[in-house]
């Protein structure tokens, strides 16, 4: 956790453009966007990946989805569609070992 870039952003040790923040989550722009809108919904609680989720985290995950829905509307992409992605593990493309939800949209997205 000491070297976790998302924890450092959450703790304001590294600056980032925060588009949304509440007591449990933040939303930032992805630094390597794959779509015109590519945002990350990140829980403030350090959870390495989906594999480390516990039953007590159910509310946190549902909150992340509700936040994504609201941010998609705010970004003007909810009507035409958007994609939500959680990568789990290196083979799936997870590059930061801190659970996060990708919100992508703003154009027609290829499947893979």
PDB file of N, CA and C in Angstrom:
ATOM      1  N   UNK A   1       0.812  -1.200   0.000  1.00  0.00           N
ATOM      2  CA  UNK A   1       0.000   0.000   0.000  1.00  0.00           C
ATOM      3  C   UNK A   1       0.854   1.261   0.000  1.00  0.00           C
ATOM      4  N   UNK A   2       2.033   1.205   0.564  1.00  0.00           N
ATOM      5  CA  UNK A   2       2.891   2.388   0.628  1.00  0.00           C
ATOM      6  C   UNK A   2       3.259   2.904  -0.759  1.00  0.00           C
ATOM      7  N   UNK A   3       3.404   2.008  -1.729  1.00  0.00           N
ATOM      8  CA  UNK A   3       3.790   2.397  -3.077  1.00  0.00           C
ATOM      9  C   UNK A   3       2.610   2.501  -4.027  1.00  0.00           C
ATOM     10  N   UNK A   4       1.403   2.360  -3.518  1.00  0.00           N
ATOM     11  CA  UNK A   4       0.209   2.370  -4.364  1.00  0.00           C
ATOM     12  C   UNK A   4      -0.069   3.791  -4.853  1.00  0.00           C
ATOM     13  N   UNK A   5      -0.023   3.967  -6.165  1.00  0.00           N
ATOM     14  CA  UNK A   5      -0.239   5.292  -6.743  1.00  0.00           C
ATOM     15  C   UNK A   5      -1.637   5.814  -6.447  1.00  0.00           C
ATOM     16  N   UNK A   6      -2.640   4.934  -6.448  1.00  0.00           N
ATOM     17  CA  UNK A   6      -3.998   5.390  -6.158  1.00  0.00           C
ATOM     18  C   UNK A   6      -4.135   5.823  -4.704  1.00  0.00           C
ATOM     19  N   UNK A   7      -3.500   5.115  -3.786  1.00  0.00           N
ATOM     20  CA  UNK A   7      -3.523   5.537  -2.375  1.00  0.00           C
ATOM     21  C   UNK A   7      -2.854   6.896  -2.227  1.00  0.00           C
ATOM     22  N   UNK A   8      -1.780   7.133  -2.962  1.00  0.00           N
ATOM     23  CA  UNK A   8      -1.097   8.429  -2.906  1.00  0.00           C
ATOM     24  C   UNK A   8      -1.980   9.536  -3.474  1.00  0.00           C
ATOM     25  N   UNK A   9      -2.744   9.247  -4.513  1.00  0.00           N
ATOM     26  CA  UNK A   9      -3.685  10.235  -5.061  1.00  0.00           C
ATOM     27  C   UNK A   9      -4.798  10.501  -4.050  1.00  0.00           C
ATOM     28  N   UNK A  10      -5.331   9.447  -3.467  1.00  0.00           N
ATOM     29  CA  UNK A  10      -6.390   9.582  -2.461  1.00  0.00           C
ATOM     30  C   UNK A  10      -5.910  10.423  -1.279  1.00  0.00           C
ATOM     31  N   UNK A  11      -4.672  10.211  -0.858  1.00  0.00           N
ATOM     32  CA  UNK A  11      -4.103  10.935   0.280  1.00  0.00           C
ATOM     33  C   UNK A  11      -3.526  12.297  -0.099  1.00  0.00           C
ATOM     34  N   UNK A  12      -3.708  12.694  -1.363  1.00  0.00           N
ATOM     35  CA  UNK A  12      -3.244  13.990  -1.884  1.00  0.00           C
ATOM     36  C   UNK A  12      -1.718  14.136  -1.841  1.00  0.00           C
ATOM     37  N   UNK A  13      -1.009  13.003  -1.884  1.00  0.00           N
ATOM     38  CA  UNK A  13       0.453  13.014  -1.962  1.00  0.00           C
ATOM     39  C   UNK A  13       0.895  13.198  -3.403  1.00  0.00           C
ATOM     40  N   UNK A  14       0.044  12.812  -4.351  1.00  0.00           N
ATOM     41  CA  UNK A  14       0.271  12.998  -5.781  1.00  0.00           C
ATOM     42  C   UNK A  14      -0.950  13.738  -6.305  1.00  0.00           C
ATOM     43  N   UNK A  15      -0.711  14.772  -7.097  1.00  0.00           N
ATOM     44  CA  UNK A  15      -1.858  15.527  -7.618  1.00  0.00           C
ATOM     45  C   UNK A  15      -2.475  14.801  -8.806  1.00  0.00           C
ATOM     46  N   UNK A  16      -3.762  14.950  -8.915  1.00  0.00           N
ATOM     47  CA  UNK A  16      -4.521  14.382 -10.018  1.00  0.00           C
ATOM     48  C   UNK A  16      -5.795  15.195 -10.138  1.00  0.00           C
ATOM     49  N   UNK A  17      -6.341  15.254 -11.336  1.00  0.00           N
ATOM     50  CA  UNK A  17      -7.602  15.953 -11.527  1.00  0.00           C
ATOM     51  C   UNK A  17      -8.733  15.066 -11.014  1.00  0.00           C
ATOM     52  N   UNK A  18      -9.253  15.419  -9.855  1.00  0.00           N
ATOM     53  CA  UNK A  18     -10.335  14.664  -9.246  1.00  0.00           C
ATOM     54  C   UNK A  18     -11.655  15.263  -9.722  1.00  0.00           C
ATOM     55  N   UNK A  19     -12.450  14.453 -10.406  1.00  0.00           N
ATOM     56  CA  UNK A  19     -13.727  14.911 -10.947  1.00  0.00           C
ATOM     57  C   UNK A  19     -14.863  14.722  -9.956  1.00  0.00           C
ATOM     58  N   UNK A  20     -14.683  13.824  -9.016  1.00  0.00           N
ATOM     59  CA  UNK A  20     -15.707  13.522  -8.017  1.00  0.00           C
ATOM     60  C   UNK A  20     -15.009  12.946  -6.796  1.00  0.00           C
ATOM     61  N   UNK A  21     -15.527  13.268  -5.620  1.00  0.00           N
ATOM     62  CA  UNK A  21     -14.981  12.682  -4.402  1.00  0.00           C
ATOM     63  C   UNK A  21     -16.060  12.676  -3.342  1.00  0.00           C
ATOM     64  N   UNK A  22     -16.148  11.573  -2.625  1.00  0.00           N
ATOM     65  CA  UNK A  22     -16.964  11.498  -1.427  1.00  0.00           C
ATOM     66  C   UNK A  22     -16.137  10.772  -0.366  1.00  0.00           C
ATOM     67  N   UNK A  23     -16.754  10.378   0.726  1.00  0.00           N
ATOM     68  CA  UNK A  23     -15.960   9.786   1.811  1.00  0.00           C
ATOM     69  C   UNK A  23     -15.407   8.410   1.470  1.00  0.00           C
ATOM     70  N   UNK A  24     -15.958   7.745   0.435  1.00  0.00           N
ATOM     71  CA  UNK A  24     -15.514   6.381   0.141  1.00  0.00           C
ATOM     72  C   UNK A  24     -14.866   6.186  -1.225  1.00  0.00           C
ATOM     73  N   UNK A  25     -14.994   7.151  -2.128  1.00  0.00           N
ATOM     74  CA  UNK A  25     -14.494   6.967  -3.498  1.00  0.00           C
ATOM     75  C   UNK A  25     -14.025   8.276  -4.107  1.00  0.00           C
ATOM     76  N   UNK A  26     -13.203   8.148  -5.153  1.00  0.00           N
ATOM     77  CA  UNK A  26     -12.827   9.290  -5.982  1.00  0.00           C
ATOM     78  C   UNK A  26     -12.956   8.878  -7.442  1.00  0.00           C
ATOM     79  N   UNK A  27     -13.052   9.878  -8.311  1.00  0.00           N
ATOM     80  CA  UNK A  27     -13.060   9.647  -9.750  1.00  0.00           C
ATOM     81  C   UNK A  27     -12.000  10.563 -10.360  1.00  0.00           C
ATOM     82  N   UNK A  28     -11.109   9.958 -11.156  1.00  0.00           N
ATOM     83  CA  UNK A  28     -10.052  10.712 -11.823  1.00  0.00           C
ATOM     84  C   UNK A  28     -10.018  10.334 -13.303  1.00  0.00           C
ATOM     85  N   UNK A  29      -9.329  11.154 -14.092  1.00  0.00           N
ATOM     86  CA  UNK A  29      -9.102  10.835 -15.500  1.00  0.00           C
ATOM     87  C   UNK A  29      -7.979   9.811 -15.599  1.00  0.00           C
ATOM     88  N   UNK A  30      -8.128   8.864 -16.511  1.00  0.00           N
ATOM     89  CA  UNK A  30      -7.064   7.895 -16.775  1.00  0.00           C
ATOM     90  C   UNK A  30      -5.925   8.615 -17.492  1.00  0.00           C
ATOM     91  N   UNK A  31      -4.695   8.348 -17.089  1.00  0.00           N
ATOM     92  CA  UNK A  31      -3.557   9.041 -17.708  1.00  0.00           C
ATOM     93  C   UNK A  31      -3.193   8.465 -19.076  1.00  0.00           C
ATOM     94  N   UNK A  32      -3.766   7.314 -19.417  1.00  0.00           N
ATOM     95  CA  UNK A  32      -3.538   6.694 -20.723  1.00  0.00           C
ATOM     96  C   UNK A  32      -4.897   6.331 -21.318  1.00  0.00           C
ATOM     97  N   UNK A  33      -5.687   7.351 -21.712  1.00  0.00           N
ATOM     98  CA  UNK A  33      -7.071   7.100 -22.114  1.00  0.00           C
ATOM     99  C   UNK A  33      -7.197   6.242 -23.367  1.00  0.00           C
ATOM    100  N   UNK A  34      -8.191   5.356 -23.327  1.00  0.00           N
ATOM    101  CA  UNK A  34      -8.500   4.478 -24.454  1.00  0.00           C
ATOM    102  C   UNK A  34      -9.782   4.908 -25.167  1.00  0.00           C
ATOM    103  N   UNK A  35     -10.360   6.017 -24.728  1.00  0.00           N
ATOM    104  CA  UNK A  35     -11.585   6.564 -25.329  1.00  0.00           C
ATOM    105  C   UNK A  35     -11.622   8.049 -24.999  1.00  0.00           C
ATOM    106  N   UNK A  36     -12.453   8.825 -25.705  1.00  0.00           N
ATOM    107  CA  UNK A  36     -12.544  10.255 -25.397  1.00  0.00           C
ATOM    108  C   UNK A  36     -12.875  10.533 -23.921  1.00  0.00           C
ATOM    109  N   UNK A  37     -13.719   9.696 -23.345  1.00  0.00           N
ATOM    110  CA  UNK A  37     -13.967   9.748 -21.903  1.00  0.00           C
ATOM    111  C   UNK A  37     -13.424   8.455 -21.328  1.00  0.00           C
ATOM    112  N   UNK A  38     -12.417   8.555 -20.465  1.00  0.00           N
ATOM    113  CA  UNK A  38     -11.848   7.385 -19.796  1.00  0.00           C
ATOM    114  C   UNK A  38     -11.522   7.808 -18.377  1.00  0.00           C
ATOM    115  N   UNK A  39     -12.412   7.429 -17.478  1.00  0.00           N
ATOM    116  CA  UNK A  39     -12.291   7.816 -16.078  1.00  0.00           C
ATOM    117  C   UNK A  39     -12.148   6.578 -15.211  1.00  0.00           C
ATOM    118  N   UNK A  40     -11.580   6.775 -14.027  1.00  0.00           N
ATOM    119  CA  UNK A  40     -11.407   5.689 -13.074  1.00  0.00           C
ATOM    120  C   UNK A  40     -12.183   6.005 -11.806  1.00  0.00           C
ATOM    121  N   UNK A  41     -13.037   5.083 -11.398  1.00  0.00           N
ATOM    122  CA  UNK A  41     -13.746   5.182 -10.129  1.00  0.00           C
ATOM    123  C   UNK A  41     -12.961   4.305  -9.162  1.00  0.00           C
ATOM    124  N   UNK A  42     -12.428   4.924  -8.109  1.00  0.00           N
ATOM    125  CA  UNK A  42     -11.494   4.248  -7.211  1.00  0.00           C
ATOM    126  C   UNK A  42     -12.011   4.318  -5.784  1.00  0.00           C
ATOM    127  N   UNK A  43     -12.173   3.166  -5.121  1.00  0.00           N
ATOM    128  CA  UNK A  43     -12.538   3.217  -3.709  1.00  0.00           C
ATOM    129  C   UNK A  43     -11.349   3.707  -2.881  1.00  0.00           C
ATOM    130  N   UNK A  44     -11.626   4.463  -1.839  1.00  0.00           N
ATOM    131  CA  UNK A  44     -10.546   4.943  -0.974  1.00  0.00           C
ATOM    132  C   UNK A  44      -9.967   3.808  -0.134  1.00  0.00           C
ATOM    133  N   UNK A  45     -10.780   2.811   0.141  1.00  0.00           N
ATOM    134  CA  UNK A  45     -10.284   1.638   0.861  1.00  0.00           C
ATOM    135  C   UNK A  45      -9.374   0.859  -0.077  1.00  0.00           C
ATOM    136  N   UNK A  46      -8.175   0.547   0.378  1.00  0.00           N
ATOM    137  CA  UNK A  46      -7.253  -0.209  -0.462  1.00  0.00           C
ATOM    138  C   UNK A  46      -7.691  -1.673  -0.502  1.00  0.00           C
ATOM    139  N   UNK A  47      -8.163  -2.069  -1.677  1.00  0.00           N
ATOM    140  CA  UNK A  47      -8.497  -3.462  -1.971  1.00  0.00           C
ATOM    141  C   UNK A  47      -7.718  -3.784  -3.230  1.00  0.00           C
ATOM    142  N   UNK A  48      -6.890  -4.809  -3.177  1.00  0.00           N
ATOM    143  CA  UNK A  48      -5.988  -5.083  -4.295  1.00  0.00           C
ATOM    144  C   UNK A  48      -6.730  -5.379  -5.593  1.00  0.00           C
ATOM    145  N   UNK A  49      -7.762  -6.204  -5.540  1.00  0.00           N
ATOM    146  CA  UNK A  49      -8.518  -6.554  -6.751  1.00  0.00           C
ATOM    147  C   UNK A  49      -9.850  -7.172  -6.340  1.00  0.00           C
ATOM    148  N   UNK A  50     -10.640  -7.539  -7.334  1.00  0.00           N
ATOM    149  CA  UNK A  50     -11.895  -8.244  -7.078  1.00  0.00           C
ATOM    150  C   UNK A  50     -11.646  -9.474  -6.207  1.00  0.00           C
ATOM    151  N   UNK A  51     -10.512 -10.125  -6.391  1.00  0.00           N
ATOM    152  CA  UNK A  51     -10.203 -11.346  -5.641  1.00  0.00           C
ATOM    153  C   UNK A  51     -10.096 -11.117  -4.139  1.00  0.00           C
ATOM    154  N   UNK A  52      -9.867  -9.891  -3.712  1.00  0.00           N
ATOM    155  CA  UNK A  52      -9.748  -9.601  -2.292  1.00  0.00           C
ATOM    156  C   UNK A  52     -11.036  -9.011  -1.690  1.00  0.00           C
ATOM    157  N   UNK A  53     -12.091  -8.901  -2.490  1.00  0.00           N
ATOM    158  CA  UNK A  53     -13.352  -8.395  -1.963  1.00  0.00           C
ATOM    159  C   UNK A  53     -13.905  -9.330  -0.900  1.00  0.00           C
ATOM    160  N   UNK A  54     -14.542  -8.729   0.079  1.00  0.00           N
ATOM    161  CA  UNK A  54     -15.192  -9.500   1.135  1.00  0.00           C
ATOM    162  C   UNK A  54     -16.671  -9.131   1.158  1.00  0.00           C
ATOM    163  N   UNK A  55     -17.468  -9.931   1.820  1.00  0.00           N
ATOM    164  CA  UNK A  55     -18.904  -9.660   1.905  1.00  0.00           C
ATOM    165  C   UNK A  55     -19.183  -8.246   2.405  1.00  0.00           C
ATOM    166  N   UNK A  56     -18.362  -7.743   3.300  1.00  0.00           N
ATOM    167  CA  UNK A  56     -18.588  -6.403   3.855  1.00  0.00           C
ATOM    168  C   UNK A  56     -18.359  -5.292   2.824  1.00  0.00           C
ATOM    169  N   UNK A  57     -17.824  -5.630   1.647  1.00  0.00           N
ATOM    170  CA  UNK A  57     -17.561  -4.639   0.600  1.00  0.00           C
ATOM    171  C   UNK A  57     -18.705  -4.507  -0.409  1.00  0.00           C
ATOM    172  N   UNK A  58     -19.807  -5.203  -0.201  1.00  0.00           N
ATOM    173  CA  UNK A  58     -20.926  -5.166  -1.151  1.00  0.00           C
ATOM    174  C   UNK A  58     -21.408  -3.742  -1.409  1.00  0.00           C
ATOM    175  N   UNK A  59     -21.580  -2.967  -0.351  1.00  0.00           N
ATOM    176  CA  UNK A  59     -22.080  -1.602  -0.517  1.00  0.00           C
ATOM    177  C   UNK A  59     -21.094  -0.746  -1.314  1.00  0.00           C
ATOM    178  N   UNK A  60     -19.822  -0.940  -1.078  1.00  0.00           N
ATOM    179  CA  UNK A  60     -18.803  -0.166  -1.778  1.00  0.00           C
ATOM    180  C   UNK A  60     -18.866  -0.406  -3.285  1.00  0.00           C
ATOM    181  N   UNK A  61     -18.995  -1.646  -3.674  1.00  0.00           N
ATOM    182  CA  UNK A  61     -19.054  -1.981  -5.106  1.00  0.00           C
ATOM    183  C   UNK A  61     -20.313  -1.403  -5.739  1.00  0.00           C
ATOM    184  N   UNK A  62     -21.450  -1.513  -5.071  1.00  0.00           N
ATOM    185  CA  UNK A  62     -22.676  -0.954  -5.643  1.00  0.00           C
ATOM    186  C   UNK A  62     -22.586   0.563  -5.720  1.00  0.00           C
ATOM    187  N   UNK A  63     -21.947   1.205  -4.742  1.00  0.00           N
ATOM    188  CA  UNK A  63     -21.744   2.658  -4.793  1.00  0.00           C
ATOM    189  C   UNK A  63     -20.890   3.046  -5.993  1.00  0.00           C
ATOM    190  N   UNK A  64     -19.872   2.253  -6.312  1.00  0.00           N
ATOM    191  CA  UNK A  64     -19.023   2.543  -7.465  1.00  0.00           C
ATOM    192  C   UNK A  64     -19.847   2.542  -8.751  1.00  0.00           C
ATOM    193  N   UNK A  65     -20.784   1.615  -8.862  1.00  0.00           N
ATOM    194  CA  UNK A  65     -21.630   1.545 -10.058  1.00  0.00           C
ATOM    195  C   UNK A  65     -22.576   2.742 -10.133  1.00  0.00           C
ATOM    196  N   UNK A  66     -23.133   3.145  -9.000  1.00  0.00           N
ATOM    197  CA  UNK A  66     -24.031   4.305  -8.979  1.00  0.00           C
ATOM    198  C   UNK A  66     -23.254   5.581  -9.318  1.00  0.00           C
ATOM    199  N   UNK A  67     -22.034   5.686  -8.806  1.00  0.00           N
ATOM    200  CA  UNK A  67     -21.182   6.831  -9.141  1.00  0.00           C
ATOM    201  C   UNK A  67     -20.907   6.846 -10.646  1.00  0.00           C
ATOM    202  N   UNK A  68     -20.576   5.683 -11.215  1.00  0.00           N
ATOM    203  CA  UNK A  68     -20.301   5.587 -12.653  1.00  0.00           C
ATOM    204  C   UNK A  68     -21.507   6.057 -13.461  1.00  0.00           C
ATOM    205  N   UNK A  69     -22.687   5.654 -13.068  1.00  0.00           N
ATOM    206  CA  UNK A  69     -23.908   6.073 -13.759  1.00  0.00           C
ATOM    207  C   UNK A  69     -24.047   7.590 -13.739  1.00  0.00           C
ATOM    208  N   UNK A  70     -23.835   8.201 -12.583  1.00  0.00           N
ATOM    209  CA  UNK A  70     -23.953   9.658 -12.471  1.00  0.00           C
ATOM    210  C   UNK A  70     -22.884  10.396 -13.244  1.00  0.00           C
ATOM    211  N   UNK A  71     -21.665   9.903 -13.191  1.00  0.00           N
ATOM    212  CA  UNK A  71     -20.558  10.538 -13.917  1.00  0.00           C
ATOM    213  C   UNK A  71     -20.795  10.424 -15.428  1.00  0.00           C
ATOM    214  N   UNK A  72     -21.287   9.266 -15.878  1.00  0.00           N
ATOM    215  CA  UNK A  72     -21.589   9.092 -17.309  1.00  0.00           C
ATOM    216  C   UNK A  72     -22.619  10.125 -17.756  1.00  0.00           C
ATOM    217  N   UNK A  73     -23.616  10.366 -16.939  1.00  0.00           N
ATOM    218  CA  UNK A  73     -24.615  11.384 -17.266  1.00  0.00           C
ATOM    219  C   UNK A  73     -23.971  12.767 -17.300  1.00  0.00           C
ATOM    220  N   UNK A  74     -23.150  13.072 -16.290  1.00  0.00           N
ATOM    221  CA  UNK A  74     -22.470  14.372 -16.228  1.00  0.00           C
ATOM    222  C   UNK A  74     -21.556  14.592 -17.427  1.00  0.00           C
ATOM    223  N   UNK A  75     -20.953  13.527 -17.927  1.00  0.00           N
ATOM    224  CA  UNK A  75     -20.025  13.609 -19.058  1.00  0.00           C
ATOM    225  C   UNK A  75     -20.754  13.604 -20.405  1.00  0.00           C
ATOM    226  N   UNK A  76     -22.062  13.440 -20.375  1.00  0.00           N
ATOM    227  CA  UNK A  76     -22.848  13.459 -21.604  1.00  0.00           C
ATOM    228  C   UNK A  76     -22.767  12.192 -22.428  1.00  0.00           C
ATOM    229  N   UNK A  77     -22.425  11.072 -21.798  1.00  0.00           N
ATOM    230  CA  UNK A  77     -22.274   9.826 -22.554  1.00  0.00           C
ATOM    231  C   UNK A  77     -23.322   8.776 -22.194  1.00  0.00           C
ATOM    232  N   UNK A  78     -24.213   9.083 -21.279  1.00  0.00           N
ATOM    233  CA  UNK A  78     -25.160   8.058 -20.815  1.00  0.00           C
ATOM    234  C   UNK A  78     -26.167   7.671 -21.898  1.00  0.00           C
ATOM    235  N   UNK A  79     -26.575   8.603 -22.728  1.00  0.00           N
ATOM    236  CA  UNK A  79     -27.586   8.305 -23.751  1.00  0.00           C
ATOM    237  C   UNK A  79     -27.058   7.397 -24.852  1.00  0.00           C
ATOM    238  N   UNK A  80     -25.842   7.636 -25.325  1.00  0.00           N
ATOM    239  CA  UNK A  80     -25.287   6.838 -26.424  1.00  0.00           C
ATOM    240  C   UNK A  80     -24.569   5.586 -25.964  1.00  0.00           C
ATOM    241  N   UNK A  81     -24.275   5.499 -24.678  1.00  0.00           N
ATOM    242  CA  UNK A  81     -23.674   4.291 -24.132  1.00  0.00           C
ATOM    243  C   UNK A  81     -22.251   4.472 -23.659  1.00  0.00           C
ATOM    244  N   UNK A  82     -21.879   3.612 -22.755  1.00  0.00           N
ATOM    245  CA  UNK A  82     -20.539   3.618 -22.160  1.00  0.00           C
ATOM    246  C   UNK A  82     -20.221   2.217 -21.678  1.00  0.00           C
ATOM    247  N   UNK A  83     -18.968   2.002 -21.383  1.00  0.00           N
ATOM    248  CA  UNK A  83     -18.500   0.694 -20.929  1.00  0.00           C
ATOM    249  C   UNK A  83     -17.905   0.831 -19.539  1.00  0.00           C
ATOM    250  N   UNK A  84     -18.185  -0.159 -18.696  1.00  0.00           N
ATOM    251  CA  UNK A  84     -17.579  -0.264 -17.375  1.00  0.00           C
ATOM    252  C   UNK A  84     -16.718  -1.516 -17.351  1.00  0.00           C
ATOM    253  N   UNK A  85     -15.469  -1.375 -16.900  1.00  0.00           N
ATOM    254  CA  UNK A  85     -14.528  -2.492 -16.911  1.00  0.00           C
ATOM    255  C   UNK A  85     -13.778  -2.537 -15.588  1.00  0.00           C
ATOM    256  N   UNK A  86     -13.675  -3.742 -15.032  1.00  0.00           N
ATOM    257  CA  UNK A  86     -12.781  -3.980 -13.892  1.00  0.00           C
ATOM    258  C   UNK A  86     -11.822  -5.076 -14.319  1.00  0.00           C
ATOM    259  N   UNK A  87     -10.557  -4.727 -14.451  1.00  0.00           N
ATOM    260  CA  UNK A  87      -9.530  -5.716 -14.771  1.00  0.00           C
ATOM    261  C   UNK A  87      -9.062  -6.346 -13.462  1.00  0.00           C
ATOM    262  N   UNK A  88      -8.888  -7.668 -13.488  1.00  0.00           N
ATOM    263  CA  UNK A  88      -8.458  -8.389 -12.292  1.00  0.00           C
ATOM    264  C   UNK A  88      -7.239  -9.227 -12.629  1.00  0.00           C
ATOM    265  N   UNK A  89      -6.100  -8.822 -12.128  1.00  0.00           N
ATOM    266  CA  UNK A  89      -4.864  -9.556 -12.350  1.00  0.00           C
ATOM    267  C   UNK A  89      -4.107  -9.089 -13.580  1.00  0.00           C
ATOM    268  N   UNK A  90      -2.843  -9.440 -13.626  1.00  0.00           N
ATOM    269  CA  UNK A  90      -1.939  -9.004 -14.699  1.00  0.00           C
ATOM    270  C   UNK A  90      -2.402  -9.465 -16.081  1.00  0.00           C
ATOM    271  N   UNK A  91      -2.856 -10.717 -16.199  1.00  0.00           N
ATOM    272  CA  UNK A  91      -3.272 -11.232 -17.505  1.00  0.00           C
ATOM    273  C   UNK A  91      -4.511 -10.535 -18.050  1.00  0.00           C
ATOM    274  N   UNK A  92      -5.263  -9.882 -17.180  1.00  0.00           N
ATOM    275  CA  UNK A  92      -6.449  -9.142 -17.616  1.00  0.00           C
ATOM    276  C   UNK A  92      -6.140  -7.673 -17.858  1.00  0.00           C
ATOM    277  N   UNK A  93      -4.906  -7.267 -17.593  1.00  0.00           N
ATOM    278  CA  UNK A  93      -4.520  -5.889 -17.841  1.00  0.00           C
ATOM    279  C   UNK A  93      -4.536  -4.989 -16.624  1.00  0.00           C
ATOM    280  N   UNK A  94      -4.688  -5.553 -15.418  1.00  0.00           N
ATOM    281  CA  UNK A  94      -4.648  -4.718 -14.214  1.00  0.00           C
ATOM    282  C   UNK A  94      -3.201  -4.270 -13.989  1.00  0.00           C
ATOM    283  N   UNK A  95      -2.975  -2.952 -14.056  1.00  0.00           N
ATOM    284  CA  UNK A  95      -1.622  -2.421 -13.914  1.00  0.00           C
ATOM    285  C   UNK A  95      -1.380  -1.769 -12.560  1.00  0.00           C
ATOM    286  N   UNK A  96      -2.442  -1.457 -11.832  1.00  0.00           N
ATOM    287  CA  UNK A  96      -2.321  -0.910 -10.483  1.00  0.00           C
ATOM    288  C   UNK A  96      -3.059  -1.856  -9.544  1.00  0.00           C
ATOM    289  N   UNK A  97      -2.357  -2.338  -8.531  1.00  0.00           N
ATOM    290  CA  UNK A  97      -2.955  -3.287  -7.597  1.00  0.00           C
ATOM    291  C   UNK A  97      -3.803  -2.569  -6.546  1.00  0.00           C
ATOM    292  N   UNK A  98      -4.829  -1.904  -7.038  1.00  0.00           N
ATOM    293  CA  UNK A  98      -5.840  -1.235  -6.211  1.00  0.00           C
ATOM    294  C   UNK A  98      -7.107  -1.271  -7.050  1.00  0.00           C
ATOM    295  N   UNK A  99      -8.138  -1.912  -6.539  1.00  0.00           N
ATOM    296  CA  UNK A  99      -9.385  -2.057  -7.271  1.00  0.00           C
ATOM    297  C   UNK A  99      -9.830  -0.726  -7.857  1.00  0.00           C
ATOM    298  N   UNK A 100     -10.237  -0.736  -9.122  1.00  0.00           N
ATOM    299  CA  UNK A 100     -10.777   0.457  -9.765  1.00  0.00           C
ATOM    300  C   UNK A 100     -11.657   0.046 -10.942  1.00  0.00           C
ATOM    301  N   UNK A 101     -12.602   0.905 -11.227  1.00  0.00           N
ATOM    302  CA  UNK A 101     -13.578   0.678 -12.277  1.00  0.00           C
ATOM    303  C   UNK A 101     -13.326   1.691 -13.386  1.00  0.00           C
ATOM    304  N   UNK A 102     -13.092   1.196 -14.605  1.00  0.00           N
ATOM    305  CA  UNK A 102     -12.905   2.062 -15.763  1.00  0.00           C
ATOM    306  C   UNK A 102     -14.270   2.432 -16.330  1.00  0.00           C
ATOM    307  N   UNK A 103     -14.459   3.699 -16.623  1.00  0.00           N
ATOM    308  CA  UNK A 103     -15.645   4.204 -17.316  1.00  0.00           C
ATOM    309  C   UNK A 103     -15.166   4.765 -18.644  1.00  0.00           C
ATOM    310  N   UNK A 104     -15.595   4.139 -19.745  1.00  0.00           N
ATOM    311  CA  UNK A 104     -15.152   4.536 -21.078  1.00  0.00           C
ATOM    312  C   UNK A 104     -16.348   4.874 -21.952  1.00  0.00           C
ATOM    313  N   UNK A 105     -16.211   5.931 -22.741  1.00  0.00           N
ATOM    314  CA  UNK A 105     -17.282   6.299 -23.662  1.00  0.00           C
ATOM    315  C   UNK A 105     -16.897   7.497 -24.497  1.00  0.00           C
ATOM    316  N   UNK A 106     -17.890   8.057 -25.150  1.00  0.00           N
ATOM    317  CA  UNK A 106     -17.660   9.224 -25.985  1.00  0.00           C
ATOM    318  C   UNK A 106     -17.477   8.914 -27.450  1.00  0.00           C
ATOM    319  N   UNK A 107     -17.488   7.627 -27.792  1.00  0.00           N
ATOM    320  CA  UNK A 107     -17.416   7.168 -29.177  1.00  0.00           C
ATOM    321  C   UNK A 107     -17.899   5.720 -29.212  1.00  0.00           C
ATOM    322  N   UNK A 108     -18.121   5.209 -30.405  1.00  0.00           N
ATOM    323  CA  UNK A 108     -18.458   3.802 -30.523  1.00  0.00           C
ATOM    324  C   UNK A 108     -17.212   3.001 -30.178  1.00  0.00           C
ATOM    325  N   UNK A 109     -17.326   2.134 -29.190  1.00  0.00           N
ATOM    326  CA  UNK A 109     -16.171   1.388 -28.694  1.00  0.00           C
ATOM    327  C   UNK A 109     -16.072   0.017 -29.357  1.00  0.00           C
ATOM    328  N   UNK A 110     -14.872  -0.374 -29.750  1.00  0.00           N
ATOM    329  CA  UNK A 110     -14.702  -1.744 -30.268  1.00  0.00           C
ATOM    330  C   UNK A 110     -14.915  -2.738 -29.132  1.00  0.00           C
ATOM    331  N   UNK A 111     -15.239  -3.962 -29.470  1.00  0.00           N
ATOM    332  CA  UNK A 111     -15.512  -4.955 -28.427  1.00  0.00           C
ATOM    333  C   UNK A 111     -14.257  -5.269 -27.615  1.00  0.00           C
ATOM    334  N   UNK A 112     -13.142  -5.501 -28.257  1.00  0.00           N
ATOM    335  CA  UNK A 112     -11.947  -5.897 -27.487  1.00  0.00           C
ATOM    336  C   UNK A 112     -10.909  -4.818 -27.493  1.00  0.00           C
TER     337      UNK A 112
END
